[in-house]
N, C-alpha and C. Protein backbone atom coordinates (compact mmCIF):
# COMPACT_ATOMS: atom_id res chain seq x y z
N MET A 1 54.81 61.23 220.87
CA MET A 1 53.81 62.26 221.30
C MET A 1 54.98 63.42 220.80
N ASN A 2 56.12 63.46 220.17
CA ASN A 2 57.00 64.57 219.54
C ASN A 2 56.89 64.32 218.06
N ARG A 3 56.47 63.05 217.77
CA ARG A 3 55.80 63.17 216.29
C ARG A 3 54.79 63.35 215.71
N ALA A 4 53.99 63.59 217.11
CA ALA A 4 52.67 64.09 216.14
C ALA A 4 52.68 65.91 216.46
N ALA A 5 53.29 66.19 217.66
CA ALA A 5 53.51 68.01 217.86
C ALA A 5 54.22 68.18 216.57
N ILE A 6 55.13 67.81 216.11
CA ILE A 6 56.11 67.84 214.74
C ILE A 6 54.97 67.90 213.74
N PHE A 7 54.37 67.02 213.75
CA PHE A 7 53.41 66.97 212.21
C PHE A 7 52.67 67.79 212.55
N LEU A 8 51.99 68.25 213.49
CA LEU A 8 50.93 69.11 213.98
C LEU A 8 51.40 71.13 213.23
N VAL A 9 52.74 70.80 213.68
CA VAL A 9 53.24 71.78 213.57
C VAL A 9 53.63 72.44 211.78
N ALA A 10 54.13 71.20 211.40
CA ALA A 10 53.97 71.20 209.95
C ALA A 10 53.31 71.73 209.25
N LEU A 11 52.23 70.96 209.37
CA LEU A 11 50.80 71.41 209.05
C LEU A 11 50.23 72.69 208.92
N THR A 12 50.38 73.67 210.09
CA THR A 12 50.09 74.36 210.66
C THR A 12 50.75 75.47 209.72
N ILE A 13 51.78 75.04 209.50
CA ILE A 13 52.84 76.20 208.76
C ILE A 13 52.69 75.89 207.12
N LEU A 14 52.11 74.59 206.77
CA LEU A 14 51.88 74.43 205.14
C LEU A 14 49.92 74.90 205.27
N THR A 15 49.35 75.06 205.91
CA THR A 15 47.96 75.24 205.62
C THR A 15 48.50 77.48 205.82
N VAL A 16 48.72 77.79 206.68
CA VAL A 16 48.89 79.29 206.77
C VAL A 16 50.12 79.71 204.74
N ALA A 17 50.86 78.56 204.56
CA ALA A 17 51.44 79.03 203.78
C ALA A 17 50.56 79.03 202.46
N CYS A 18 49.70 78.21 202.25
CA CYS A 18 48.82 77.74 200.94
C CYS A 18 47.92 79.19 201.06
N LYS A 19 47.29 79.40 201.98
CA LYS A 19 46.32 80.55 202.04
C LYS A 19 46.77 81.81 201.42
N THR A 20 48.10 82.04 202.28
CA THR A 20 48.64 83.29 201.93
C THR A 20 49.36 83.74 200.65
N SER A 21 49.59 82.34 199.59
CA SER A 21 50.73 82.74 199.12
C SER A 21 49.50 82.85 197.34
N GLY A 22 48.31 82.79 197.82
CA GLY A 22 47.33 83.13 196.53
C GLY A 22 47.58 81.42 195.47
N PRO A 23 46.58 81.95 194.32
CA PRO A 23 46.42 80.31 193.66
C PRO A 23 47.14 80.62 192.78
N THR A 24 47.98 79.24 192.33
CA THR A 24 48.89 79.22 191.53
C THR A 24 48.50 78.55 189.88
N ARG A 25 48.52 78.67 189.06
CA ARG A 25 48.23 78.47 188.27
C ARG A 25 49.10 77.14 186.94
N PRO A 26 48.93 76.01 186.40
CA PRO A 26 49.81 75.57 185.99
C PRO A 26 50.38 76.06 184.97
N ALA A 27 51.54 75.61 184.63
CA ALA A 27 52.29 76.44 183.88
C ALA A 27 51.59 76.12 182.40
N ALA A 28 51.26 74.70 181.79
CA ALA A 28 50.37 74.52 180.67
C ALA A 28 49.41 75.19 180.55
N LEU A 29 48.52 75.94 181.47
CA LEU A 29 47.17 76.63 181.27
C LEU A 29 47.82 78.30 180.72
N VAL A 30 49.11 78.56 181.24
CA VAL A 30 49.26 79.94 181.06
C VAL A 30 49.63 80.18 179.87
N THR A 31 50.52 79.41 179.15
CA THR A 31 50.96 79.25 177.98
C THR A 31 50.15 78.69 176.50
N ALA A 32 48.52 78.25 177.26
CA ALA A 32 47.82 77.54 176.18
C ALA A 32 46.81 78.74 175.29
N ALA A 33 47.60 78.92 173.83
CA ALA A 33 46.57 79.67 173.06
C ALA A 33 45.60 79.44 172.77
N ALA A 34 44.26 80.34 173.18
CA ALA A 34 42.98 80.14 172.39
C ALA A 34 42.86 79.63 171.25
N SER A 35 41.73 79.00 171.01
CA SER A 35 41.91 79.09 169.02
C SER A 35 41.53 79.77 168.23
N PRO A 36 41.86 80.39 167.84
CA PRO A 36 40.94 81.61 166.79
C PRO A 36 40.26 81.52 166.26
N GLY A 37 39.45 82.68 166.05
CA GLY A 37 38.02 82.46 165.93
C GLY A 37 37.72 82.97 164.51
N ILE A 38 36.63 81.93 164.05
CA ILE A 38 36.53 82.28 162.25
C ILE A 38 36.41 83.73 161.94
N VAL A 39 37.03 84.10 160.64
CA VAL A 39 37.25 85.77 160.92
C VAL A 39 35.89 85.74 159.49
N LYS A 40 35.55 87.51 159.04
CA LYS A 40 34.31 87.17 158.13
C LYS A 40 34.39 87.42 156.74
N ALA A 41 34.66 86.83 155.76
CA ALA A 41 35.32 87.20 154.65
C ALA A 41 33.65 88.51 154.23
N THR A 42 34.03 89.27 154.39
CA THR A 42 33.05 90.46 153.49
C THR A 42 33.64 91.14 152.60
N ASP A 43 34.80 90.79 152.24
CA ASP A 43 35.31 91.32 151.26
C ASP A 43 35.89 90.48 150.04
N TYR A 44 36.22 91.10 148.80
CA TYR A 44 37.01 89.79 147.79
C TYR A 44 37.94 89.33 148.46
N VAL A 45 39.05 90.06 149.32
CA VAL A 45 40.09 89.77 150.29
C VAL A 45 39.72 90.06 151.41
N THR A 46 40.28 89.41 152.20
CA THR A 46 40.22 89.28 153.68
C THR A 46 41.86 88.91 154.34
N ASP A 47 43.12 90.02 154.54
CA ASP A 47 43.88 89.62 154.90
C ASP A 47 44.34 89.08 155.88
N GLU A 48 43.37 88.53 156.92
CA GLU A 48 43.82 88.88 158.36
C GLU A 48 45.09 88.97 159.02
N ALA A 49 46.26 87.61 158.23
CA ALA A 49 47.46 87.18 158.39
C ALA A 49 48.49 88.14 157.85
N LYS A 50 47.87 89.46 157.66
CA LYS A 50 48.88 90.63 156.54
C LYS A 50 49.79 90.12 155.95
N VAL A 51 49.94 89.17 155.02
CA VAL A 51 50.58 88.84 153.87
C VAL A 51 50.67 89.20 152.87
N ILE A 52 49.73 90.04 151.85
CA ILE A 52 49.43 90.35 151.38
C ILE A 52 49.28 92.08 150.99
N ASP A 53 50.93 92.48 149.80
CA ASP A 53 50.75 93.94 150.02
C ASP A 53 49.78 94.59 149.29
N GLU A 54 49.64 96.09 149.38
CA GLU A 54 48.64 97.04 148.79
C GLU A 54 48.41 96.23 147.84
N SER A 55 49.42 96.85 146.70
CA SER A 55 49.36 96.66 145.67
C SER A 55 48.60 95.64 144.80
N THR A 56 49.08 94.34 145.99
CA THR A 56 48.45 92.79 145.58
C THR A 56 46.81 92.66 145.59
N ARG A 57 46.68 93.55 146.46
CA ARG A 57 45.31 93.16 147.42
C ARG A 57 44.20 93.94 146.64
N LYS A 58 44.87 95.74 145.84
CA LYS A 58 43.77 96.23 144.82
C LYS A 58 44.08 95.02 144.03
N GLN A 59 44.57 94.85 142.90
CA GLN A 59 45.06 93.90 142.47
C GLN A 59 44.22 92.86 142.25
N LEU A 60 43.89 91.68 143.37
CA LEU A 60 42.91 90.94 143.44
C LEU A 60 41.73 91.32 143.72
N GLU A 61 41.43 92.10 144.27
CA GLU A 61 40.13 92.91 143.89
C GLU A 61 39.55 93.13 143.19
N THR A 62 40.38 93.90 141.97
CA THR A 62 39.87 94.51 141.26
C THR A 62 39.63 93.45 139.95
N THR A 63 40.84 92.28 140.32
CA THR A 63 40.22 90.95 139.00
C THR A 63 39.24 90.21 139.93
N LEU A 64 38.98 89.96 140.96
CA LEU A 64 37.66 89.47 141.49
C LEU A 64 36.10 89.83 141.32
N ALA A 65 35.89 91.15 141.34
CA ALA A 65 35.10 91.97 141.14
C ALA A 65 34.57 91.73 139.27
N ALA A 66 35.72 92.21 138.62
CA ALA A 66 35.43 91.91 137.59
C ALA A 66 34.98 90.28 136.95
N LEU A 67 35.18 88.81 138.20
CA LEU A 67 34.94 87.73 137.12
C LEU A 67 33.45 88.16 137.91
N LYS A 68 33.33 88.64 139.02
CA LYS A 68 31.56 88.61 139.08
C LYS A 68 30.82 89.19 138.55
N GLU A 69 31.14 90.63 137.96
CA GLU A 69 30.44 91.11 136.92
C GLU A 69 30.56 90.31 135.53
N ARG A 70 31.46 89.64 134.88
CA ARG A 70 31.64 88.83 133.63
C ARG A 70 30.80 87.58 134.04
N LYS A 71 30.99 86.98 134.72
CA LYS A 71 30.83 85.67 134.95
C LYS A 71 29.82 85.28 135.92
N HIS A 72 29.53 86.17 136.86
CA HIS A 72 28.58 85.88 137.93
C HIS A 72 29.51 84.80 139.02
N ILE A 73 30.48 84.85 138.73
CA ILE A 73 31.22 83.82 140.31
C ILE A 73 31.67 84.80 141.14
N ASP A 74 31.24 84.60 142.80
CA ASP A 74 31.49 85.25 143.79
C ASP A 74 33.39 84.37 144.06
N PHE A 75 34.65 84.98 144.14
CA PHE A 75 35.47 84.50 144.46
C PHE A 75 36.06 85.29 145.36
N SER A 76 36.51 84.69 146.57
CA SER A 76 36.79 85.08 147.78
C SER A 76 38.22 84.85 147.78
N VAL A 77 39.05 85.50 148.80
CA VAL A 77 40.58 85.14 148.65
C VAL A 77 40.53 85.65 150.86
N VAL A 78 40.86 84.61 151.49
CA VAL A 78 41.01 85.31 153.15
C VAL A 78 42.49 84.05 153.39
N THR A 79 43.32 85.20 154.44
CA THR A 79 44.53 84.92 154.55
C THR A 79 44.59 84.90 156.21
N VAL A 80 44.38 83.49 157.08
CA VAL A 80 44.92 83.93 158.66
C VAL A 80 45.99 83.41 158.83
N ARG A 81 46.42 83.69 160.12
CA ARG A 81 47.66 83.45 160.83
C ARG A 81 47.28 81.41 160.57
N SER A 82 46.14 80.88 161.79
CA SER A 82 45.91 79.76 162.11
C SER A 82 44.63 79.44 161.49
N THR A 83 44.46 78.06 161.32
CA THR A 83 42.92 77.51 161.71
C THR A 83 42.31 77.18 163.06
N GLY A 84 43.47 76.87 163.79
CA GLY A 84 43.18 76.70 165.08
C GLY A 84 43.53 75.40 165.55
N ASP A 85 42.00 74.79 166.09
CA ASP A 85 41.72 73.45 166.51
C ASP A 85 41.09 72.75 165.02
N LYS A 86 40.72 73.47 163.89
CA LYS A 86 40.21 73.27 162.49
C LYS A 86 40.87 72.80 161.89
N SER A 87 40.81 71.83 160.60
CA SER A 87 40.93 72.02 159.72
C SER A 87 40.87 73.19 158.26
N ALA A 88 41.70 72.92 157.52
CA ALA A 88 41.53 74.11 156.89
C ALA A 88 40.15 73.55 155.53
N PHE A 89 40.08 72.29 155.70
CA PHE A 89 38.34 72.26 155.26
C PHE A 89 37.64 72.65 155.71
N ASP A 90 37.06 72.48 156.86
CA ASP A 90 36.09 72.78 157.50
C ASP A 90 36.17 74.64 157.73
N TYR A 91 37.18 74.81 158.19
CA TYR A 91 37.31 76.33 158.58
C TYR A 91 36.94 76.95 157.61
N SER A 92 37.38 76.84 156.15
CA SER A 92 37.09 77.18 154.74
C SER A 92 35.74 77.20 154.61
N LEU A 93 34.97 75.85 154.83
CA LEU A 93 33.95 75.45 154.82
C LEU A 93 33.07 76.54 155.31
N GLU A 94 33.10 76.55 156.73
CA GLU A 94 32.59 77.74 157.48
C GLU A 94 32.35 78.95 156.68
N LEU A 95 33.84 79.55 156.23
CA LEU A 95 33.58 80.95 155.73
C LEU A 95 32.76 80.97 154.98
N ALA A 96 32.98 79.86 153.78
CA ALA A 96 31.55 80.30 152.76
C ALA A 96 30.44 79.99 152.82
N ARG A 97 30.20 79.39 153.81
CA ARG A 97 28.55 78.95 153.84
C ARG A 97 28.42 80.74 154.80
N GLU A 98 29.07 80.97 155.62
CA GLU A 98 28.94 82.35 155.91
C GLU A 98 28.98 83.34 155.44
N ARG A 99 29.62 83.34 153.83
CA ARG A 99 29.94 84.62 153.03
C ARG A 99 28.83 84.00 152.13
N LYS A 100 28.09 82.97 151.75
CA LYS A 100 26.90 82.95 150.99
C LYS A 100 25.48 83.65 151.34
N LYS A 101 25.38 82.85 152.73
CA LYS A 101 24.42 83.50 153.52
C LYS A 101 24.09 85.16 154.02
N ASN A 102 25.11 85.71 154.13
CA ASN A 102 25.31 87.03 154.18
C ASN A 102 25.73 88.17 152.97
N SER A 103 25.31 87.56 151.78
CA SER A 103 25.66 87.92 150.63
C SER A 103 24.56 88.47 150.04
N PHE A 104 24.41 90.27 149.43
CA PHE A 104 23.34 91.04 149.64
C PHE A 104 22.98 90.36 148.15
N GLU A 105 23.92 89.54 146.97
CA GLU A 105 23.37 89.49 146.11
C GLU A 105 24.29 87.95 145.91
N GLN A 106 23.28 87.36 145.54
CA GLN A 106 23.38 85.52 145.59
C GLN A 106 24.07 85.13 144.47
N SER A 107 24.93 84.82 144.64
CA SER A 107 25.55 84.33 143.62
C SER A 107 25.40 82.75 143.21
N PRO A 108 24.80 82.36 142.06
CA PRO A 108 24.98 80.81 141.92
C PRO A 108 25.95 79.90 142.17
N SER A 109 27.51 80.78 141.75
CA SER A 109 28.61 79.91 142.03
C SER A 109 29.47 80.59 142.87
N GLY A 110 30.36 79.46 142.87
CA GLY A 110 31.60 80.56 144.28
C GLY A 110 32.44 80.03 144.22
N LEU A 111 33.85 80.65 145.00
CA LEU A 111 35.24 79.76 145.31
C LEU A 111 35.51 80.66 146.25
N LEU A 112 36.36 80.05 147.60
CA LEU A 112 36.81 80.47 148.61
C LEU A 112 37.76 79.61 148.67
N LEU A 113 39.07 81.06 148.74
CA LEU A 113 40.50 80.54 148.77
C LEU A 113 41.11 81.06 150.30
N LEU A 114 41.27 79.61 151.02
CA LEU A 114 42.07 79.83 152.41
C LEU A 114 43.42 79.68 152.16
N VAL A 115 43.83 80.44 152.86
CA VAL A 115 45.26 80.44 153.78
C VAL A 115 45.55 80.55 154.67
N ALA A 116 46.02 79.31 155.18
CA ALA A 116 46.69 79.57 156.62
C ALA A 116 48.05 79.33 157.00
N VAL A 117 48.71 80.66 157.34
CA VAL A 117 50.13 81.00 156.89
C VAL A 117 50.97 79.78 157.93
N ASP A 118 50.60 80.21 159.17
CA ASP A 118 51.29 79.59 159.91
C ASP A 118 51.32 78.49 160.54
N ASP A 119 50.07 78.06 160.11
CA ASP A 119 49.76 76.13 159.53
C ASP A 119 50.81 75.66 158.62
N ARG A 120 50.62 76.08 157.28
CA ARG A 120 51.66 76.03 156.52
C ARG A 120 50.61 74.88 155.36
N ASN A 121 49.11 75.41 155.54
CA ASN A 121 48.04 74.88 154.70
C ASN A 121 47.49 75.98 154.26
N TRP A 122 46.20 75.31 153.02
CA TRP A 122 45.82 76.24 152.30
C TRP A 122 44.68 74.81 151.70
N HIS A 123 43.48 75.46 151.77
CA HIS A 123 42.34 75.00 150.69
C HIS A 123 41.40 75.60 150.07
N ILE A 124 40.70 75.20 149.33
CA ILE A 124 39.85 76.11 148.03
C ILE A 124 38.87 75.29 148.16
N GLN A 125 37.43 76.17 148.37
CA GLN A 125 36.04 75.65 148.54
C GLN A 125 35.67 75.69 146.89
N ILE A 126 34.59 75.35 146.41
CA ILE A 126 34.00 75.65 145.18
C ILE A 126 32.76 74.86 145.68
N SER A 127 31.92 75.52 144.58
CA SER A 127 30.42 75.33 144.38
C SER A 127 29.94 74.12 143.78
N ASN A 128 29.09 73.55 144.12
CA ASN A 128 28.64 72.33 143.39
C ASN A 128 28.76 72.50 141.88
N ASN A 129 28.38 73.15 141.69
CA ASN A 129 27.90 73.58 139.60
C ASN A 129 29.16 73.74 139.24
N LEU A 130 30.54 74.04 139.81
CA LEU A 130 31.74 74.33 139.30
C LEU A 130 32.65 73.03 139.68
N GLU A 131 32.28 72.27 139.88
CA GLU A 131 33.23 70.99 140.20
C GLU A 131 33.31 70.10 138.94
N LYS A 132 32.59 70.28 138.09
CA LYS A 132 32.70 68.86 137.03
C LYS A 132 34.01 70.17 136.35
N ASP A 133 34.12 71.39 136.59
CA ASP A 133 34.81 72.18 134.98
C ASP A 133 35.87 72.14 136.51
N LEU A 134 35.81 72.27 137.74
CA LEU A 134 37.44 72.79 138.22
C LEU A 134 37.25 71.75 138.88
N THR A 135 37.71 70.13 138.59
CA THR A 135 38.62 69.12 139.70
C THR A 135 39.25 69.58 140.09
N LYS A 136 39.39 68.19 141.18
CA LYS A 136 40.06 68.14 142.50
C LYS A 136 41.86 68.39 141.30
N ASP A 137 42.19 67.63 140.91
CA ASP A 137 43.27 67.77 140.07
C ASP A 137 43.36 68.96 139.34
N ILE A 138 42.09 69.27 138.21
CA ILE A 138 42.93 70.98 138.19
C ILE A 138 43.50 71.62 138.73
N LEU A 139 42.43 71.67 139.98
CA LEU A 139 42.91 73.15 140.91
C LEU A 139 43.87 72.46 141.43
N THR A 140 44.52 71.11 141.71
CA THR A 140 45.76 70.97 142.47
C THR A 140 47.05 71.15 141.40
N ASN A 141 46.76 70.91 139.90
CA ASN A 141 48.43 71.29 139.21
C ASN A 141 48.03 72.87 138.58
N LEU A 142 47.21 73.42 138.95
CA LEU A 142 47.01 75.04 138.53
C LEU A 142 47.60 75.57 140.14
N SER A 143 47.77 74.69 141.40
CA SER A 143 48.25 75.38 142.30
C SER A 143 49.85 75.28 142.42
N THR A 144 50.31 74.39 141.82
CA THR A 144 51.62 75.16 141.60
C THR A 144 52.75 76.15 141.58
N PRO A 145 52.51 77.06 140.77
CA PRO A 145 53.02 78.38 141.02
C PRO A 145 52.74 78.96 142.42
N MET A 146 51.52 79.14 142.91
CA MET A 146 51.39 79.57 144.00
C MET A 146 52.20 78.78 145.44
N THR A 147 51.78 77.36 145.71
CA THR A 147 52.79 76.89 146.40
C THR A 147 54.42 77.13 146.23
N ASP A 148 54.95 77.15 145.74
CA ASP A 148 56.18 77.56 144.77
C ASP A 148 56.56 79.10 145.37
N SER A 149 55.77 79.77 145.41
CA SER A 149 55.85 81.22 146.09
C SER A 149 55.78 81.17 147.33
N PHE A 150 54.68 80.61 147.70
CA PHE A 150 54.62 80.24 148.99
C PHE A 150 56.17 79.90 150.01
N ARG A 151 56.67 78.59 149.26
CA ARG A 151 57.85 78.48 149.90
C ARG A 151 58.89 79.84 150.15
N GLN A 152 59.12 80.52 149.26
CA GLN A 152 59.47 82.35 149.19
C GLN A 152 59.15 82.54 150.09
N LYS A 153 58.00 82.45 151.13
CA LYS A 153 56.82 83.67 151.30
C LYS A 153 56.53 84.83 151.08
N GLN A 154 56.00 84.56 149.68
CA GLN A 154 55.30 85.80 148.91
C GLN A 154 54.30 85.09 148.98
N TYR A 155 53.45 85.41 149.50
CA TYR A 155 51.94 84.60 149.41
C TYR A 155 50.74 85.42 148.68
N GLY A 156 51.12 86.82 148.50
CA GLY A 156 50.08 87.68 147.56
C GLY A 156 50.88 87.50 146.05
N GLU A 157 52.00 87.48 146.18
CA GLU A 157 52.16 86.79 144.41
C GLU A 157 51.73 85.25 144.33
N GLY A 158 52.07 84.70 145.23
CA GLY A 158 51.83 83.34 145.11
C GLY A 158 49.69 83.14 144.83
N ILE A 159 49.08 84.01 145.68
CA ILE A 159 47.65 83.93 146.06
C ILE A 159 46.90 84.40 143.88
N LEU A 160 48.11 85.81 143.61
CA LEU A 160 47.35 86.64 142.87
C LEU A 160 47.76 85.53 141.39
N LYS A 161 48.90 84.20 141.42
CA LYS A 161 49.66 83.63 140.33
C LYS A 161 47.64 82.82 140.43
N TYR A 162 47.54 81.86 141.43
CA TYR A 162 46.27 80.76 141.49
C TYR A 162 45.14 81.36 140.96
N VAL A 163 45.06 82.45 141.53
CA VAL A 163 43.40 82.93 141.08
C VAL A 163 43.59 83.47 139.67
N ASN A 164 44.56 84.19 139.15
CA ASN A 164 44.73 84.40 137.75
C ASN A 164 44.57 83.00 137.16
N ALA A 165 45.15 82.23 137.41
CA ALA A 165 45.26 80.46 136.87
C ALA A 165 43.77 80.04 136.47
N ILE A 166 42.95 79.96 138.04
CA ILE A 166 41.79 79.85 137.64
C ILE A 166 40.63 80.34 136.73
N ILE A 167 40.81 81.22 137.05
CA ILE A 167 40.22 82.53 135.75
C ILE A 167 40.92 82.25 134.50
N ALA A 168 41.72 82.03 134.30
CA ALA A 168 42.17 81.79 133.03
C ALA A 168 41.09 80.47 132.25
N LYS A 169 41.28 79.67 133.52
CA LYS A 169 40.80 78.01 133.21
C LYS A 169 39.17 78.34 132.71
N LEU A 170 38.74 78.85 133.70
CA LEU A 170 37.07 79.17 133.29
C LEU A 170 36.92 79.66 132.32
N ASP A 171 37.56 80.60 132.42
CA ASP A 171 37.46 81.69 130.59
C ASP A 171 37.72 80.38 129.48
N GLN A 172 38.65 79.61 129.82
CA GLN A 172 39.02 78.50 128.85
C GLN A 172 37.96 77.46 128.10
N LEU A 173 36.97 77.34 129.70
CA LEU A 173 36.16 76.28 129.42
C LEU A 173 34.93 76.91 128.34
N ASP A 174 34.71 78.29 128.71
CA ASP A 174 34.19 79.15 128.15
C ASP A 174 34.10 79.34 126.50
N HIS A 175 35.72 79.44 126.04
CA HIS A 175 35.74 79.25 124.90
C HIS A 175 37.37 78.17 124.63
N PRO A 176 36.36 76.60 124.47
CA PRO A 176 36.78 76.09 123.58
C PRO A 176 37.54 76.18 122.60
N ALA A 177 39.13 75.62 122.34
CA ALA A 177 40.02 75.74 121.59
C ALA A 177 39.71 74.78 120.08
N VAL A 178 39.16 76.21 119.09
CA VAL A 178 38.72 75.43 118.01
C VAL A 178 39.82 74.79 117.05
């Protein structure tokens, strides 16, 4: 009988303590970060990660606008901290599709460079009609100066180098050496 009385008293104390202490949240839920949403790539340069200085951003904007005017190729650059639970490929593909859908002037050719700083990852999306001239091997070889700059945390400089290298390659294809 003593055991039963002790058990009931302990159960009553636990019940009252649980009701008055309020809800508890597991630590894992408190520290879990929400997956970042897809940014809107509305300009030539969308620097969500805040890694491109103003001078470099203006230079990129001018270069990319001139490319669109001259060759009708829409090239945009997007930096983010992270792509969350999406791969850089999937994230950049979604950005490129959204950009094309919302573009006032449809360009037949397009490129979108995504740089995910905290993920230490990047990907470039290119339209189908540019794939024969800008193969994966060419794009990878052209990226070496960019990735070297990234290792030194000079993201703007690296992006500018890569953009200029791609544009130079596109210019070279139009005017083959004689």
